[in-house]
Amino acid sequence: MRRPMCFPRTRKLPRGSRSLPNSTDRDSTRSRRRDRNRSTNTLLRRRFTMKRIAIVLTANLLVLLSGAILCAQETTNSKTVTYKTVGEKELKIHVHFPPDWKAGDRRSAIVFFFGGGWNSGTVGQFEFQAEYLAGRGMVAARADYRVKSRDGVTPDKCVEDARSAVRWMRKNSKRLGIDPKKLIASGGSAGGHLAACTMIAESVEAEGDDLAISTVPQAMLLFNPVLSFENEQMLTRLGENKHLARKISPTSHLHKNAPPALILFGTNDRLKVFGDEYWKKAEEIGVRADKYIAEGQGHGFFNRPPWRERTLIAADKFLASLGFMEGEPTVTVPETTEQATVGRRKVHPNVGNWPELFKPNLSNAIFTQGVWTVEDGVLTASEDQAIWTKKDYDNFVLDLEFKTASGTNSGVVVYCTDMENWIPNSVEIQIADDYAEKWAKSPDTWHCGAIFGHLAPSKSMVKKPGQWNRFTVRCRDRQINVALNGQRIVSMDMSLWTSAKTNPDGSEIPPWLNKPLSKHPTHGRIGLQGKHAGAPIWFRNIKIRELR
């Protein structure tokens, strides 16, 4: 460490020397001391001057650097402006311009709204997509809006801001160099909901908005969006206000003149039911609603490679088909295979230290004596009767192996509240021989891995009869996830099943399942169905871990 500069000390006299100098020595000492002090002060002044010069030079350099940085930012053809002020809150919109953009252009434009459950999120979410589309010749904007965690607002206020942003873009079309009749609305999750709400002619409106300016876009790009608030789960976010819920439910306002849409979902996304409902209604009334399905992917899949690039290619082609851009997509999909991506995620847990659901002697199980037996660790039944746990479970992960015979139809039962009449008073995850003609021709919600009668698996993963299958069922409150043989195949939010007659996608529920899952308790016994439909079933390595 460099020693700090200080004034020199007076040297101590060695022992035995004169204690006091004579007058001549005293004068000489004073003279030397003055010289040293004068020299030291001169050195200090020089160092202080150099330090001031260094500070000035550094400040000037920082100014130059900051100017260079600002210049660099300006060359990226982006600009941030305030599109709306609410109280003291300024809402910004970030606009990306094409490299050859000039004033007076009449280009296609797109505005993105970020996701975050109307509670959080960041305007930076769609920067990659905005920059890409600007590079393809569009003016692309990313709009901020109020959210609950920062501004204490409910979803209807988020919708107000989104509609204000669209109006701002149309009002400033000349300044932005865009054609107000070539505007696309886009967003992800809650942001997808906001984008879809711009197509509603009469919805919630912000005070001071020019209602003569339409919010209806010419097209929509919707990444795993929420498309309805008219269900029990969503209504709670609006204080059970059904009138308000309808005003911000895009599917309810879908009509024959609605703008074309590309809607993108992963098969494992619990919100896909919204897409299914929208697609079905659009088909019935003849509205274009293109479907993009990402196999095995969950919510938000479009945010990460390679799906970010794949969805951009799909969006590019969709917009080109409508005449909003020309040429082929220029984005390149990374050399990361879907299989490698899936392979890095754990589908089945490590159950080495997990306890058995049933003891080897079945002393902690409820069943009819003689029906269920265990031999060499394999559990099977001779009749169509279930075996039950003695205790109730609520949040847990159940992992097991099963083997089917030709024509097997069995199941894993959770949240059972009535063992005598368990079918309408539980949730059954189906086990079936999908290779048997009888079950292959049955509804998809009867196939292996389905939440029986309610939600079909994303794909059939069961092995042929005689082979062991790995099954993992995760239950936490109203969320049920199912994985079969290394593949996630079901993700259900029970609160969306508010009817006992039809599923959220419009398909019919078997009449013997006469209670809505949204009302069903999320605790109860766990059971295994026995020899149903005359075909046997075998289980082994049945492990459970309770979740806190």
Protein backbone atom coordinates (compact mmCIF):
# COMPACT_ATOMS: atom_id res chain seq x y z
CA MET A 1 0.00 0.00 0.00
CA ARG A 2 1.28 3.46 -0.88
CA ARG A 3 2.12 5.43 2.27
CA PRO A 4 0.12 8.66 2.61
CA MET A 5 2.06 11.86 2.22
CA CYS A 6 2.75 13.79 5.46
CA PHE A 7 5.01 16.44 6.80
CA PRO A 8 8.50 15.16 7.79
CA ARG A 9 9.04 14.60 11.50
CA THR A 10 11.86 16.21 13.56
CA ARG A 11 14.53 13.57 14.01
CA LYS A 12 15.12 12.39 17.58
CA LEU A 13 18.54 13.05 19.00
CA PRO A 14 20.50 10.00 19.89
CA ARG A 15 21.06 9.27 23.55
CA GLY A 16 24.12 11.15 24.91
CA SER A 17 23.82 14.03 22.43
CA ARG A 18 23.24 17.64 23.46
CA SER A 19 19.80 18.13 24.81
CA LEU A 20 19.49 21.69 23.39
CA PRO A 21 21.24 23.18 20.36
CA ASN A 22 23.16 26.42 20.69
CA SER A 23 21.96 29.62 18.99
CA THR A 24 23.84 28.95 15.76
CA ASP A 25 22.46 25.42 15.53
CA ARG A 26 19.02 26.78 16.40
CA ASP A 27 19.14 29.25 13.48
CA SER A 28 20.43 26.59 11.15
CA THR A 29 17.68 24.18 12.21
CA ARG A 30 15.00 26.81 11.69
CA SER A 31 16.37 27.58 8.25
CA ARG A 32 16.40 23.92 7.25
CA ARG A 33 12.86 23.48 8.61
CA ARG A 34 11.60 26.47 6.58
CA ASP A 35 13.23 25.05 3.46
CA ARG A 36 11.65 21.65 4.05
CA ASN A 37 8.22 23.16 4.68
CA ARG A 38 8.52 25.38 1.59
CA SER A 39 9.53 22.35 -0.50
CA THR A 40 6.72 20.25 0.90
CA ASN A 41 4.11 22.95 0.27
CA THR A 42 5.33 23.34 -3.29
CA LEU A 43 5.03 19.59 -3.81
CA LEU A 44 1.54 19.59 -2.36
CA ARG A 45 0.45 22.45 -4.63
CA ARG A 46 1.85 20.65 -7.67
CA ARG A 47 0.12 17.39 -6.75
CA PHE A 48 -3.16 19.18 -6.05
CA THR A 49 -2.92 21.00 -9.39
CA MET A 50 -2.22 17.72 -11.21
CA LYS A 51 -5.16 16.10 -9.43
CA ARG A 52 -7.45 18.95 -10.53
CA ILE A 53 -6.22 18.57 -14.09
CA ALA A 54 -6.85 14.83 -13.91
CA ILE A 55 -10.39 15.39 -12.60
CA VAL A 56 -11.12 17.88 -15.37
CA LEU A 57 -9.70 15.55 -18.01
CA THR A 58 -11.68 12.63 -16.61
CA ALA A 59 -14.88 14.67 -16.58
CA ASN A 60 -14.28 15.78 -20.15
CA LEU A 61 -13.56 12.21 -21.15
CA LEU A 62 -16.79 11.02 -19.52
CA VAL A 63 -18.71 13.71 -21.38
CA LEU A 64 -17.12 12.58 -24.62
CA LEU A 65 -17.84 8.94 -23.84
CA SER A 66 -21.42 9.67 -22.85
CA GLY A 67 -21.85 11.55 -26.08
CA ALA A 68 -20.50 8.57 -27.95
CA ILE A 69 -22.89 6.30 -26.07
CA LEU A 70 -25.82 8.59 -26.85
CA CYS A 71 -24.79 8.64 -30.48
CA ALA A 72 -24.61 4.86 -30.46
CA GLN A 73 -28.11 4.68 -28.97
CA GLU A 74 -29.44 7.05 -31.58
CA THR A 75 -28.05 4.92 -34.38
CA THR A 76 -30.16 1.94 -33.23
CA ASN A 77 -33.24 3.71 -34.68
CA SER A 78 -35.25 3.63 -31.49
CA LYS A 79 -37.00 6.32 -29.54
CA THR A 80 -38.82 6.47 -26.20
CA VAL A 81 -41.69 8.88 -25.63
CA THR A 82 -44.56 9.35 -23.18
CA TYR A 83 -47.88 8.25 -24.63
CA LYS A 84 -50.03 8.84 -21.54
CA THR A 85 -49.87 10.41 -18.09
CA VAL A 86 -51.98 9.13 -15.20
CA GLY A 87 -51.59 11.36 -12.16
CA GLU A 88 -47.82 11.66 -11.78
CA LYS A 89 -47.17 8.42 -13.66
CA GLU A 90 -45.74 8.78 -17.16
CA LEU A 91 -46.32 5.74 -19.35
CA LYS A 92 -43.63 5.28 -21.98
CA ILE A 93 -43.71 3.66 -25.37
CA HIS A 94 -40.46 2.44 -26.97
CA VAL A 95 -40.51 2.66 -30.75
CA HIS A 96 -38.11 0.78 -33.06
CA PHE A 97 -37.72 2.13 -36.60
CA PRO A 98 -36.41 0.28 -39.69
CA PRO A 99 -32.89 1.21 -40.82
CA ASP A 100 -34.20 2.98 -43.94
CA TRP A 101 -37.11 4.67 -42.18
CA LYS A 102 -37.90 8.28 -43.07
CA ALA A 103 -40.58 10.77 -42.22
CA GLY A 104 -43.57 10.46 -44.47
CA ASP A 105 -43.41 6.66 -44.67
CA ARG A 106 -46.65 4.68 -44.40
CA ARG A 107 -45.36 1.43 -42.95
CA SER A 108 -47.05 -1.42 -41.18
CA ALA A 109 -46.76 -1.17 -37.40
CA ILE A 110 -47.02 -3.46 -34.41
CA VAL A 111 -47.35 -2.74 -30.68
CA PHE A 112 -46.33 -5.29 -28.02
CA PHE A 113 -47.62 -5.61 -24.45
CA PHE A 114 -45.56 -7.55 -21.90
CA GLY A 115 -46.88 -10.32 -19.65
CA GLY A 116 -46.83 -10.65 -15.88
CA GLY A 117 -50.32 -11.55 -14.72
CA TRP A 118 -51.43 -7.88 -14.67
CA ASN A 119 -49.29 -7.72 -11.53
CA SER A 120 -45.70 -7.27 -12.72
CA GLY A 121 -43.55 -7.63 -15.83
CA THR A 122 -41.20 -5.46 -17.82
CA VAL A 123 -41.47 -3.56 -21.07
CA GLY A 124 -38.20 -5.15 -22.16
CA GLN A 125 -39.85 -8.54 -22.75
CA PHE A 126 -40.49 -8.19 -26.50
CA GLU A 127 -37.35 -6.22 -27.40
CA PHE A 128 -35.94 -9.12 -29.45
CA GLN A 129 -39.15 -9.46 -31.48
CA ALA A 130 -39.52 -5.70 -31.93
CA GLU A 131 -35.97 -5.28 -33.23
CA TYR A 132 -36.40 -8.21 -35.60
CA LEU A 133 -39.64 -6.87 -37.08
CA ALA A 134 -38.14 -3.38 -37.40
CA GLY A 135 -35.34 -5.03 -39.35
CA ARG A 136 -38.01 -6.53 -41.61
CA GLY A 137 -39.42 -3.08 -42.38
CA MET A 138 -42.11 -2.53 -39.75
CA VAL A 139 -42.32 0.15 -37.08
CA ALA A 140 -42.41 -1.86 -33.85
CA ALA A 141 -43.38 -0.47 -30.45
CA ARG A 142 -43.30 -1.79 -26.89
CA ALA A 143 -45.76 -0.10 -24.53
CA ASP A 144 -45.52 0.15 -20.76
CA TYR A 145 -48.72 0.03 -18.72
CA ARG A 146 -49.80 0.11 -15.08
CA VAL A 147 -49.70 -3.12 -13.07
CA LYS A 148 -50.93 -4.13 -9.64
CA SER A 149 -47.57 -4.48 -7.84
CA ARG A 150 -46.37 -1.02 -8.87
CA ASP A 151 -49.58 0.93 -9.27
CA GLY A 152 -52.25 -0.95 -7.32
CA VAL A 153 -54.53 -1.42 -10.33
CA THR A 154 -56.88 -4.18 -11.48
CA PRO A 155 -56.73 -5.77 -14.97
CA ASP A 156 -59.35 -3.41 -16.43
CA LYS A 157 -56.97 -0.48 -15.90
CA CYS A 158 -54.25 -2.39 -17.74
CA VAL A 159 -56.70 -2.76 -20.63
CA GLU A 160 -57.41 0.98 -20.55
CA ASP A 161 -53.70 1.72 -20.95
CA ALA A 162 -53.33 -0.71 -23.84
CA ARG A 163 -56.22 0.88 -25.69
CA SER A 164 -54.69 4.32 -25.04
CA ALA A 165 -51.39 3.13 -26.53
CA VAL A 166 -53.10 1.97 -29.74
CA ARG A 167 -54.93 5.27 -30.05
CA TRP A 168 -51.68 7.15 -29.49
CA MET A 169 -50.02 5.26 -32.35
CA ARG A 170 -52.89 5.98 -34.72
CA LYS A 171 -53.05 9.64 -33.67
CA ASN A 172 -49.32 10.00 -34.27
CA SER A 173 -49.21 7.91 -37.45
CA LYS A 174 -47.65 10.67 -39.57
CA ARG A 175 -45.01 11.38 -36.96
CA LEU A 176 -44.24 7.66 -36.73
CA GLY A 177 -44.32 7.07 -40.47
CA ILE A 178 -46.97 4.35 -40.25
CA ASP A 179 -50.23 3.50 -41.96
CA PRO A 180 -52.96 3.67 -39.28
CA LYS A 181 -54.84 1.01 -41.23
CA LYS A 182 -51.97 -1.46 -40.94
CA LEU A 183 -51.65 -1.81 -37.18
CA ILE A 184 -51.06 -5.14 -35.40
CA ALA A 185 -51.58 -5.72 -31.66
CA SER A 186 -49.45 -8.32 -29.90
CA GLY A 187 -48.50 -9.52 -26.44
CA GLY A 188 -47.83 -12.50 -24.21
CA SER A 189 -49.99 -14.01 -21.45
CA ALA A 190 -51.61 -11.01 -19.68
CA GLY A 191 -50.10 -8.85 -22.42
CA GLY A 192 -51.76 -11.11 -24.98
CA HIS A 193 -55.02 -10.45 -23.19
CA LEU A 194 -54.47 -6.69 -23.49
CA ALA A 195 -53.66 -7.01 -27.19
CA ALA A 196 -56.80 -9.08 -27.77
CA CYS A 197 -58.91 -6.55 -25.88
CA THR A 198 -58.01 -3.89 -28.44
CA MET A 199 -60.31 -5.68 -30.91
CA ILE A 200 -63.36 -5.00 -28.69
CA ALA A 201 -65.17 -2.00 -30.13
CA GLU A 202 -66.71 -0.93 -26.82
CA SER A 203 -64.72 -1.88 -23.75
CA VAL A 204 -63.28 -0.05 -20.75
CA GLU A 205 -62.01 3.40 -21.69
CA ALA A 206 -59.56 5.80 -20.08
CA GLU A 207 -60.76 9.26 -19.15
CA GLY A 208 -59.59 11.75 -21.74
CA ASP A 209 -59.09 9.26 -24.57
CA ASP A 210 -60.30 10.30 -28.00
CA LEU A 211 -62.97 7.66 -28.55
CA ALA A 212 -63.29 8.70 -32.20
CA ILE A 213 -59.99 6.88 -32.78
CA SER A 214 -60.55 3.12 -33.10
CA THR A 215 -58.50 0.63 -31.12
CA VAL A 216 -59.40 -2.31 -33.38
CA PRO A 217 -56.20 -3.63 -35.01
CA GLN A 218 -55.90 -5.13 -38.47
CA ALA A 219 -54.37 -8.31 -37.04
CA MET A 220 -53.29 -9.85 -33.73
CA LEU A 221 -50.28 -11.93 -32.65
CA LEU A 222 -51.22 -13.54 -29.33
CA PHE A 223 -48.65 -15.53 -27.36
CA ASN A 224 -50.38 -17.86 -24.83
CA PRO A 225 -53.02 -15.22 -24.00
CA VAL A 226 -55.83 -15.12 -21.47
CA LEU A 227 -58.95 -14.61 -23.58
CA SER A 228 -61.77 -14.54 -21.06
CA PHE A 229 -62.50 -13.24 -17.57
CA GLU A 230 -65.88 -14.91 -17.43
CA ASN A 231 -64.90 -17.74 -15.09
CA GLU A 232 -64.56 -18.12 -11.36
CA GLN A 233 -60.79 -17.79 -11.16
CA MET A 234 -60.59 -14.62 -13.24
CA LEU A 235 -63.63 -12.96 -11.69
CA THR A 236 -61.86 -12.77 -8.34
CA ARG A 237 -59.35 -10.36 -9.89
CA LEU A 238 -62.22 -7.98 -10.63
CA GLY A 239 -64.04 -8.26 -7.32
CA GLU A 240 -66.64 -10.62 -8.84
CA ASN A 241 -67.81 -7.84 -11.20
CA LYS A 242 -69.37 -9.88 -14.02
CA HIS A 243 -70.34 -6.84 -16.09
CA LEU A 244 -66.73 -5.64 -16.06
CA ALA A 245 -65.47 -9.15 -16.78
CA ARG A 246 -67.50 -9.34 -19.96
CA LYS A 247 -66.14 -6.00 -21.13
CA ILE A 248 -62.60 -7.38 -21.10
CA SER A 249 -63.32 -10.91 -22.39
CA PRO A 250 -62.21 -11.03 -26.06
CA THR A 251 -63.79 -14.40 -26.89
CA SER A 252 -67.21 -13.10 -25.85
CA HIS A 253 -66.83 -10.25 -28.37
CA LEU A 254 -65.58 -12.38 -31.26
CA HIS A 255 -67.65 -11.67 -34.38
CA LYS A 256 -67.46 -12.30 -38.11
CA ASN A 257 -65.59 -9.04 -38.79
CA ALA A 258 -63.00 -9.57 -36.08
CA PRO A 259 -59.35 -9.14 -37.15
CA PRO A 260 -57.37 -12.26 -38.12
CA ALA A 261 -55.19 -13.69 -35.39
CA LEU A 262 -52.26 -16.03 -34.87
CA ILE A 263 -52.55 -17.63 -31.43
CA LEU A 264 -49.58 -19.56 -30.07
CA PHE A 265 -49.69 -22.08 -27.20
CA GLY A 266 -47.63 -24.90 -25.75
CA THR A 267 -49.45 -28.20 -25.27
CA ASN A 268 -48.57 -28.20 -21.56
CA ASP A 269 -49.88 -24.70 -20.92
CA ARG A 270 -52.93 -24.70 -18.65
CA LEU A 271 -54.12 -21.51 -20.38
CA LYS A 272 -54.47 -23.36 -23.69
CA VAL A 273 -58.15 -23.89 -22.85
CA PHE A 274 -58.64 -20.20 -23.67
CA GLY A 275 -57.13 -20.76 -27.10
CA ASP A 276 -59.27 -23.84 -27.68
CA GLU A 277 -62.42 -21.90 -26.87
CA TYR A 278 -61.43 -19.02 -29.15
CA TRP A 279 -60.44 -21.30 -32.05
CA LYS A 280 -63.72 -23.18 -31.82
CA LYS A 281 -65.85 -20.03 -31.89
CA ALA A 282 -63.74 -18.47 -34.68
CA GLU A 283 -64.21 -21.56 -36.83
CA GLU A 284 -67.96 -21.50 -36.25
CA ILE A 285 -68.36 -17.90 -37.41
CA GLY A 286 -65.71 -17.98 -40.13
CA VAL A 287 -62.98 -15.77 -38.63
CA ARG A 288 -59.34 -16.51 -39.37
CA ALA A 289 -57.60 -17.67 -36.21
CA ASP A 290 -54.39 -19.51 -37.05
CA LYS A 291 -53.16 -22.05 -34.54
CA TYR A 292 -49.51 -22.59 -33.52
CA ILE A 293 -48.94 -25.47 -31.12
CA ALA A 294 -45.57 -26.17 -29.46
CA GLU A 295 -45.48 -29.82 -28.46
CA GLY A 296 -44.49 -30.46 -24.85
CA GLN A 297 -44.04 -26.77 -24.04
CA GLY A 298 -45.51 -24.86 -21.14
CA HIS A 299 -46.41 -21.25 -20.46
CA GLY A 300 -44.02 -18.59 -21.76
CA PHE A 301 -42.18 -21.01 -24.08
CA PHE A 302 -41.81 -18.28 -26.73
CA ASN A 303 -39.39 -16.30 -24.53
CA ARG A 304 -36.46 -18.70 -24.92
CA PRO A 305 -34.52 -20.23 -27.84
CA PRO A 306 -35.25 -22.11 -30.00
CA TRP A 307 -38.99 -21.34 -29.56
CA ARG A 308 -38.40 -17.61 -29.62
CA GLU A 309 -37.04 -17.91 -33.14
CA ARG A 310 -39.57 -20.54 -34.24
CA THR A 311 -42.52 -18.43 -33.15
CA LEU A 312 -41.01 -15.39 -34.85
CA ILE A 313 -40.84 -17.32 -38.12
CA ALA A 314 -44.50 -18.28 -37.72
CA ALA A 315 -45.40 -14.66 -36.94
CA ASP A 316 -43.39 -13.42 -39.92
CA LYS A 317 -45.19 -15.79 -42.32
CA PHE A 318 -48.58 -14.90 -40.84
CA LEU A 319 -47.98 -11.16 -41.28
CA ALA A 320 -46.60 -11.67 -44.80
CA SER A 321 -49.73 -13.62 -45.72
CA LEU A 322 -51.76 -10.52 -44.82
CA GLY A 323 -49.53 -8.19 -46.84
CA PHE A 324 -47.90 -6.44 -43.88
CA MET A 325 -44.38 -7.41 -45.00
CA GLU A 326 -42.65 -9.05 -47.93
CA GLY A 327 -40.05 -11.74 -48.46
CA GLU A 328 -39.01 -14.73 -46.41
CA PRO A 329 -38.20 -14.71 -42.67
CA THR A 330 -34.60 -13.79 -41.91
CA VAL A 331 -34.37 -15.13 -38.36
CA THR A 332 -32.30 -18.29 -37.83
CA VAL A 333 -33.29 -21.01 -35.39
CA PRO A 334 -30.38 -21.90 -33.05
CA GLU A 335 -28.86 -25.34 -33.46
CA THR A 336 -30.46 -26.48 -30.22
CA THR A 337 -32.80 -29.38 -30.78
CA GLU A 338 -36.10 -29.65 -28.97
CA GLN A 339 -35.06 -33.05 -27.70
CA ALA A 340 -31.92 -31.64 -26.10
CA THR A 341 -33.92 -28.87 -24.47
CA VAL A 342 -36.45 -31.30 -23.06
CA GLY A 343 -33.68 -33.68 -22.02
CA ARG A 344 -32.20 -31.09 -19.67
CA ARG A 345 -35.43 -30.84 -17.71
CA LYS A 346 -36.26 -33.42 -15.08
CA VAL A 347 -39.63 -34.98 -15.86
CA HIS A 348 -39.62 -37.79 -13.30
CA PRO A 349 -38.18 -37.22 -9.81
CA ASN A 350 -35.45 -39.13 -8.00
CA VAL A 351 -37.51 -41.22 -5.58
CA GLY A 352 -34.67 -43.11 -3.90
CA ASN A 353 -35.46 -41.80 -0.42
CA TRP A 354 -39.21 -41.48 -0.79
CA PRO A 355 -41.54 -43.58 1.37
CA GLU A 356 -43.86 -46.20 -0.12
CA LEU A 357 -47.49 -45.18 -0.47
CA PHE A 358 -48.55 -48.64 0.74
CA LYS A 359 -46.61 -50.83 3.12
CA PRO A 360 -45.57 -54.24 1.72
CA ASN A 361 -48.22 -55.94 3.88
CA LEU A 362 -50.85 -53.29 2.93
CA SER A 363 -51.49 -52.58 6.61
CA ASN A 364 -51.95 -48.86 5.87
CA ALA A 365 -54.43 -49.50 3.04
CA ILE A 366 -58.21 -49.88 2.86
CA PHE A 367 -59.40 -52.64 0.49
CA THR A 368 -61.53 -55.77 0.32
CA GLN A 369 -59.50 -58.67 1.64
CA GLY A 370 -58.43 -61.08 -1.07
CA VAL A 371 -58.93 -58.63 -3.95
CA TRP A 372 -55.56 -56.88 -3.78
CA THR A 373 -52.32 -58.80 -3.32
CA VAL A 374 -48.60 -58.10 -3.40
CA GLU A 375 -46.10 -60.56 -4.82
CA ASP A 376 -42.41 -59.75 -5.39
CA GLY A 377 -43.20 -56.06 -4.93
CA VAL A 378 -45.95 -56.05 -7.58
CA LEU A 379 -49.45 -54.97 -6.57
CA THR A 380 -52.47 -56.24 -8.52
CA ALA A 381 -56.21 -56.83 -8.14
CA SER A 382 -58.45 -59.74 -9.05
CA GLU A 383 -61.66 -57.68 -9.20
CA ASP A 384 -62.90 -54.22 -10.13
CA GLN A 385 -62.45 -52.72 -6.70
CA ALA A 386 -60.15 -49.89 -5.65
CA ILE A 387 -57.49 -49.78 -2.94
CA TRP A 388 -57.27 -46.65 -0.79
CA THR A 389 -54.90 -44.89 1.57
CA LYS A 390 -56.06 -44.61 5.17
CA LYS A 391 -55.02 -40.98 5.37
CA ASP A 392 -55.93 -37.92 3.33
CA TYR A 393 -53.35 -36.12 1.19
CA ASP A 394 -53.47 -32.60 -0.19
CA ASN A 395 -50.21 -31.38 -1.79
CA PHE A 396 -47.98 -34.21 -2.99
CA VAL A 397 -46.04 -35.88 -5.79
CA LEU A 398 -46.96 -39.51 -6.52
CA ASP A 399 -44.56 -41.59 -8.58
CA LEU A 400 -45.18 -45.18 -9.68
CA GLU A 401 -44.82 -47.77 -12.40
CA PHE A 402 -47.69 -49.63 -14.03
CA LYS A 403 -48.08 -52.38 -16.61
CA THR A 404 -51.14 -52.95 -18.75
CA ALA A 405 -52.60 -56.02 -20.42
CA SER A 406 -54.58 -56.03 -23.66
CA GLY A 407 -57.64 -53.82 -23.05
CA THR A 408 -56.65 -52.53 -19.58
CA ASN A 409 -58.69 -49.65 -18.20
CA SER A 410 -57.66 -48.46 -14.75
CA GLY A 411 -56.60 -45.27 -13.06
CA VAL A 412 -54.91 -43.34 -10.27
CA VAL A 413 -57.47 -41.54 -8.10
CA VAL A 414 -56.67 -38.39 -6.10
CA TYR A 415 -58.61 -36.00 -3.88
CA CYS A 416 -61.20 -38.68 -3.11
CA THR A 417 -63.77 -37.60 -0.52
CA ASP A 418 -66.13 -40.61 -0.75
CA MET A 419 -64.68 -44.11 -1.21
CA GLU A 420 -68.11 -45.72 -1.66
CA ASN A 421 -69.14 -43.32 -4.43
CA TRP A 422 -65.72 -42.24 -5.61
CA ILE A 423 -66.29 -41.60 -9.33
CA PRO A 424 -68.03 -38.17 -9.01
CA ASN A 425 -66.19 -37.38 -5.78
CA SER A 426 -62.57 -37.53 -6.90
CA VAL A 427 -60.21 -36.78 -9.76
CA GLU A 428 -59.05 -39.74 -11.83
CA ILE A 429 -55.87 -39.83 -13.90
CA GLN A 430 -56.62 -42.44 -16.52
CA ILE A 431 -54.59 -45.59 -17.20
CA ALA A 432 -55.57 -47.37 -20.40
CA ASP A 433 -54.27 -49.59 -23.16
CA ASP A 434 -54.44 -47.01 -25.94
CA TYR A 435 -53.48 -49.75 -28.41
CA ALA A 436 -56.77 -51.56 -27.83
CA GLU A 437 -59.32 -50.62 -30.48
CA LYS A 438 -62.02 -50.06 -27.88
CA TRP A 439 -60.05 -47.38 -26.05
CA ALA A 440 -58.29 -45.96 -29.11
CA LYS A 441 -61.68 -44.99 -30.55
CA SER A 442 -62.92 -43.50 -27.29
CA PRO A 443 -62.81 -39.72 -26.62
CA ASP A 444 -59.34 -38.23 -26.10
CA THR A 445 -60.21 -37.51 -22.47
CA TRP A 446 -60.39 -41.29 -21.93
CA HIS A 447 -56.84 -41.97 -23.14
CA CYS A 448 -53.94 -42.92 -20.91
CA GLY A 449 -52.71 -40.00 -18.82
CA ALA A 450 -55.87 -37.92 -19.24
CA ILE A 451 -57.72 -36.32 -16.37
CA PHE A 452 -60.59 -38.68 -17.12
CA GLY A 453 -63.51 -37.01 -18.86
CA HIS A 454 -61.99 -33.53 -18.48
CA LEU A 455 -58.57 -32.98 -20.08
CA ALA A 456 -56.85 -35.07 -22.75
CA PRO A 457 -53.11 -35.77 -22.71
CA SER A 458 -51.01 -33.78 -25.17
CA LYS A 459 -49.93 -37.06 -26.75
CA SER A 460 -50.17 -40.80 -26.20
CA MET A 461 -47.07 -42.00 -24.36
CA VAL A 462 -48.21 -45.34 -22.93
CA LYS A 463 -46.20 -48.40 -23.94
CA LYS A 464 -47.66 -51.53 -25.45
CA PRO A 465 -49.19 -54.11 -23.08
CA GLY A 466 -46.69 -56.12 -21.08
CA GLN A 467 -44.17 -53.26 -20.64
CA TRP A 468 -43.64 -51.17 -17.52
CA ASN A 469 -44.54 -47.47 -17.66
CA ARG A 470 -43.33 -44.61 -15.43
CA PHE A 471 -46.07 -42.33 -14.12
CA THR A 472 -45.67 -39.10 -12.08
CA VAL A 473 -48.64 -37.15 -10.74
CA ARG A 474 -48.05 -33.81 -9.02
CA CYS A 475 -50.95 -32.25 -7.10
CA ARG A 476 -50.68 -28.83 -5.50
CA ASP A 477 -53.98 -27.20 -4.60
CA ARG A 478 -55.97 -26.98 -7.85
CA GLN A 479 -52.99 -27.60 -10.13
CA ILE A 480 -52.48 -31.18 -11.37
CA ASN A 481 -49.54 -32.10 -13.62
CA VAL A 482 -48.99 -35.52 -15.15
CA ALA A 483 -45.87 -37.00 -16.76
CA LEU A 484 -45.75 -40.38 -18.51
CA ASN A 485 -42.60 -42.11 -19.75
CA GLY A 486 -40.44 -39.01 -19.83
CA GLN A 487 -43.01 -36.64 -21.28
CA ARG A 488 -45.16 -34.00 -19.59
CA ILE A 489 -48.62 -34.68 -20.97
CA VAL A 490 -51.17 -32.88 -18.76
CA SER A 491 -51.30 -29.62 -16.85
CA MET A 492 -54.68 -28.78 -15.32
CA ASP A 493 -55.95 -25.86 -13.28
CA MET A 494 -59.13 -27.28 -11.73
CA SER A 495 -60.54 -23.80 -11.10
CA LEU A 496 -61.17 -23.41 -14.84
CA TRP A 497 -63.60 -26.35 -14.86
CA THR A 498 -66.63 -24.45 -13.61
CA SER A 499 -69.24 -26.60 -15.37
CA ALA A 500 -70.30 -30.18 -14.71
CA LYS A 501 -71.55 -30.59 -18.28
CA THR A 502 -68.89 -29.12 -20.56
CA ASN A 503 -65.14 -28.67 -20.37
CA PRO A 504 -63.57 -25.23 -20.99
CA ASP A 505 -62.87 -26.30 -24.60
CA GLY A 506 -66.57 -27.06 -25.15
CA SER A 507 -66.31 -30.85 -25.12
CA GLU A 508 -68.88 -32.79 -23.12
CA ILE A 509 -68.17 -34.24 -19.69
CA PRO A 510 -69.50 -37.77 -19.06
CA PRO A 511 -72.83 -37.45 -17.19
CA TRP A 512 -71.67 -39.59 -14.28
CA LEU A 513 -69.04 -36.91 -13.46
CA ASN A 514 -71.75 -34.55 -12.29
CA LYS A 515 -69.80 -32.10 -10.12
CA PRO A 516 -67.61 -29.21 -11.39
CA LEU A 517 -63.94 -29.66 -10.54
CA SER A 518 -63.67 -26.00 -9.55
CA LYS A 519 -65.81 -26.82 -6.50
CA HIS A 520 -64.05 -30.07 -5.61
CA PRO A 521 -61.92 -30.18 -2.43
CA THR A 522 -58.16 -30.33 -2.94
CA HIS A 523 -57.56 -33.00 -0.33
CA GLY A 524 -58.63 -36.58 0.11
CA ARG A 525 -57.55 -40.19 -0.17
CA ILE A 526 -55.39 -41.61 -2.92
CA GLY A 527 -56.58 -44.78 -4.64
CA LEU A 528 -55.76 -47.20 -7.44
CA GLN A 529 -58.50 -48.68 -9.60
CA GLY A 530 -58.59 -52.48 -9.88
CA LYS A 531 -59.42 -54.94 -12.66
CA HIS A 532 -61.86 -52.80 -14.59
CA ALA A 533 -63.42 -53.84 -17.92
CA GLY A 534 -62.15 -57.39 -17.39
CA ALA A 535 -58.46 -56.64 -17.99
CA PRO A 536 -55.78 -56.72 -15.26
CA ILE A 537 -53.42 -53.97 -14.13
CA TRP A 538 -50.12 -54.20 -12.21
CA PHE A 539 -48.37 -51.56 -10.05
CA ARG A 540 -44.95 -51.38 -8.44
CA ASN A 541 -42.54 -48.84 -6.86
CA ILE A 542 -45.40 -46.65 -5.65
CA LYS A 543 -43.69 -43.72 -3.88
CA ILE A 544 -44.98 -40.44 -2.50
CA ARG A 545 -43.55 -37.16 -1.29
CA GLU A 546 -45.76 -34.70 0.54
CA LEU A 547 -45.25 -31.04 -0.36
CA ARG A 548 -45.24 -28.27 2.20
